[in-house]
C-alpha atoms as a PDB file:
ATOM      1  CA  MET A   1      66.615  -7.084 -68.791  1.00  0.00           C
ATOM      2  CA  PRO A   2      66.804  -6.816 -72.446  1.00  0.00           C
ATOM      3  CA  ARG A   3      66.560 -10.587 -74.183  1.00  0.00           C
ATOM      4  CA  VAL A   4      65.790 -12.476 -70.977  1.00  0.00           C
ATOM      5  CA  ASP A   5      63.012 -12.835 -67.949  1.00  0.00           C
ATOM      6  CA  GLY A   6      63.192 -13.864 -64.620  1.00  0.00           C
ATOM      7  CA  ASN A   7      62.496 -17.180 -65.040  1.00  0.00           C
ATOM      8  CA  ALA A   8      65.166 -18.146 -67.294  1.00  0.00           C
ATOM      9  CA  VAL A   9      67.563 -16.160 -65.041  1.00  0.00           C
ATOM     10  CA  ALA A  10      65.826 -18.294 -62.620  1.00  0.00           C
ATOM     11  CA  THR A  11      66.281 -21.476 -64.345  1.00  0.00           C
ATOM     12  CA  GLY A  12      70.361 -20.708 -65.640  1.00  0.00           C
ATOM     13  CA  VAL A  13      70.704 -20.151 -61.616  1.00  0.00           C
ATOM     14  CA  LYS A  14      69.607 -23.396 -60.683  1.00  0.00           C
ATOM     15  CA  ASP A  15      71.033 -25.406 -63.595  1.00  0.00           C
ATOM     16  CA  MET A  16      74.656 -23.320 -62.376  1.00  0.00           C
ATOM     17  CA  SER A  17      73.342 -24.335 -58.688  1.00  0.00           C
ATOM     18  CA  THR A  18      71.119 -26.138 -57.068  1.00  0.00           C
ATOM     19  CA  ASN A  19      71.952 -25.044 -53.499  1.00  0.00           C
ATOM     20  CA  THR A  20      71.348 -20.903 -54.364  1.00  0.00           C
ATOM     21  CA  PRO A  21      68.141 -19.524 -53.282  1.00  0.00           C
ATOM     22  CA  VAL A  22      66.718 -17.782 -55.739  1.00  0.00           C
ATOM     23  CA  ILE A  23      63.853 -15.321 -54.635  1.00  0.00           C
ATOM     24  CA  MET A  24      62.171 -13.378 -57.527  1.00  0.00           C
ATOM     25  CA  LEU A  25      60.688 -10.100 -57.241  1.00  0.00           C
ATOM     26  CA  THR A  26      58.121  -8.741 -60.461  1.00  0.00           C
ATOM     27  CA  GLY A  27      55.620  -6.535 -60.712  1.00  0.00           C
ATOM     28  CA  TRP A  28      53.553  -9.411 -61.720  1.00  0.00           C
ATOM     29  CA  GLY A  29      53.895 -10.417 -58.499  1.00  0.00           C
ATOM     30  CA  ARG A  30      49.552  -9.959 -57.638  1.00  0.00           C
ATOM     31  CA  ARG A  31      49.236 -12.409 -60.541  1.00  0.00           C
ATOM     32  CA  MET A  32      51.836 -14.650 -60.251  1.00  0.00           C
ATOM     33  CA  GLN A  33      50.528 -14.831 -56.101  1.00  0.00           C
ATOM     34  CA  GLU A  34      46.285 -15.260 -57.025  1.00  0.00           C
ATOM     35  CA  ASP A  35      48.060 -18.778 -59.370  1.00  0.00           C
ATOM     36  CA  ALA A  36      49.509 -20.004 -55.949  1.00  0.00           C
ATOM     37  CA  VAL A  37      52.662 -21.462 -58.118  1.00  0.00           C
ATOM     38  CA  LEU A  38      56.035 -20.302 -58.149  1.00  0.00           C
ATOM     39  CA  PRO A  39      58.397 -20.623 -61.139  1.00  0.00           C
ATOM     40  CA  ALA A  40      60.757 -23.530 -61.946  1.00  0.00           C
ATOM     41  CA  GLY A  41      63.791 -22.538 -60.113  1.00  0.00           C
ATOM     42  CA  VAL A  42      62.178 -19.727 -57.557  1.00  0.00           C
ATOM     43  CA  ASP A  43      62.373 -20.201 -54.223  1.00  0.00           C
ATOM     44  CA  HIS A  44      59.757 -17.800 -53.446  1.00  0.00           C
ATOM     45  CA  LEU A  45      58.385 -14.871 -55.534  1.00  0.00           C
ATOM     46  CA  LEU A  46      56.865 -11.383 -54.277  1.00  0.00           C
ATOM     47  CA  GLY A  47      55.500  -8.685 -55.662  1.00  0.00           C
ATOM     48  CA  LYS A  48      56.553  -5.051 -55.792  1.00  0.00           C
ATOM     49  CA  PRO A  49      56.384  -3.859 -53.842  1.00  0.00           C
ATOM     50  CA  ALA A  50      57.813  -5.860 -51.547  1.00  0.00           C
ATOM     51  CA  ARG A  51      56.172  -6.350 -47.903  1.00  0.00           C
ATOM     52  CA  ILE A  52      59.196  -5.325 -45.770  1.00  0.00           C
ATOM     53  CA  ALA A  53      58.390  -8.769 -43.764  1.00  0.00           C
ATOM     54  CA  ALA A  54      57.971 -10.707 -46.393  1.00  0.00           C
ATOM     55  CA  LEU A  55      61.344 -10.480 -47.641  1.00  0.00           C
ATOM     56  CA  ARG A  56      62.819 -10.700 -43.974  1.00  0.00           C
ATOM     57  CA  GLU A  57      61.062 -14.294 -43.970  1.00  0.00           C
ATOM     58  CA  ALA A  58      62.738 -15.162 -47.369  1.00  0.00           C
ATOM     59  CA  LEU A  59      66.048 -14.347 -46.459  1.00  0.00           C
ATOM     60  CA  ALA A  60      65.693 -15.934 -43.727  1.00  0.00           C
ATOM     61  CA  SER A  61      64.013 -19.146 -45.207  1.00  0.00           C
ATOM     62  CA  CYS A  62      67.264 -19.243 -47.509  1.00  0.00           C
ATOM     63  CA  MET A  63      70.037 -17.747 -44.728  1.00  0.00           C
ATOM     64  CA  THR A  64      68.716 -21.334 -42.331  1.00  0.00           C
ATOM     65  CA  GLY A  65      68.494 -23.542 -45.548  1.00  0.00           C
ATOM     66  CA  GLY A  66      64.968 -24.202 -45.380  1.00  0.00           C
ATOM     67  CA  PHE A  67      64.437 -23.473 -48.962  1.00  0.00           C
ATOM     68  CA  LYS A  68      60.705 -23.889 -48.369  1.00  0.00           C
ATOM     69  CA  LYS A  69      58.968 -22.928 -50.900  1.00  0.00           C
ATOM     70  CA  GLY A  70      56.666 -19.387 -50.294  1.00  0.00           C
ATOM     71  CA  ILE A  71      54.574 -16.786 -51.856  1.00  0.00           C
ATOM     72  CA  GLY A  72      54.497 -14.064 -50.532  1.00  0.00           C
END
């Protein structure tokens, strides 16, 4: 995205609506997953290419309102 990164988008979404779940899909996922720290405003972090099971789990968590933080 020109002039903005995913972290800024996630923070902006949460600033506008704290109840909106944010799933970050990133090419930097493996490195971020090794750090085991989610960026601010991110509820779930998935690396590219996303595993379908991990994506389903993240979406299910968001749909049930669980919003449990997850790295998958």
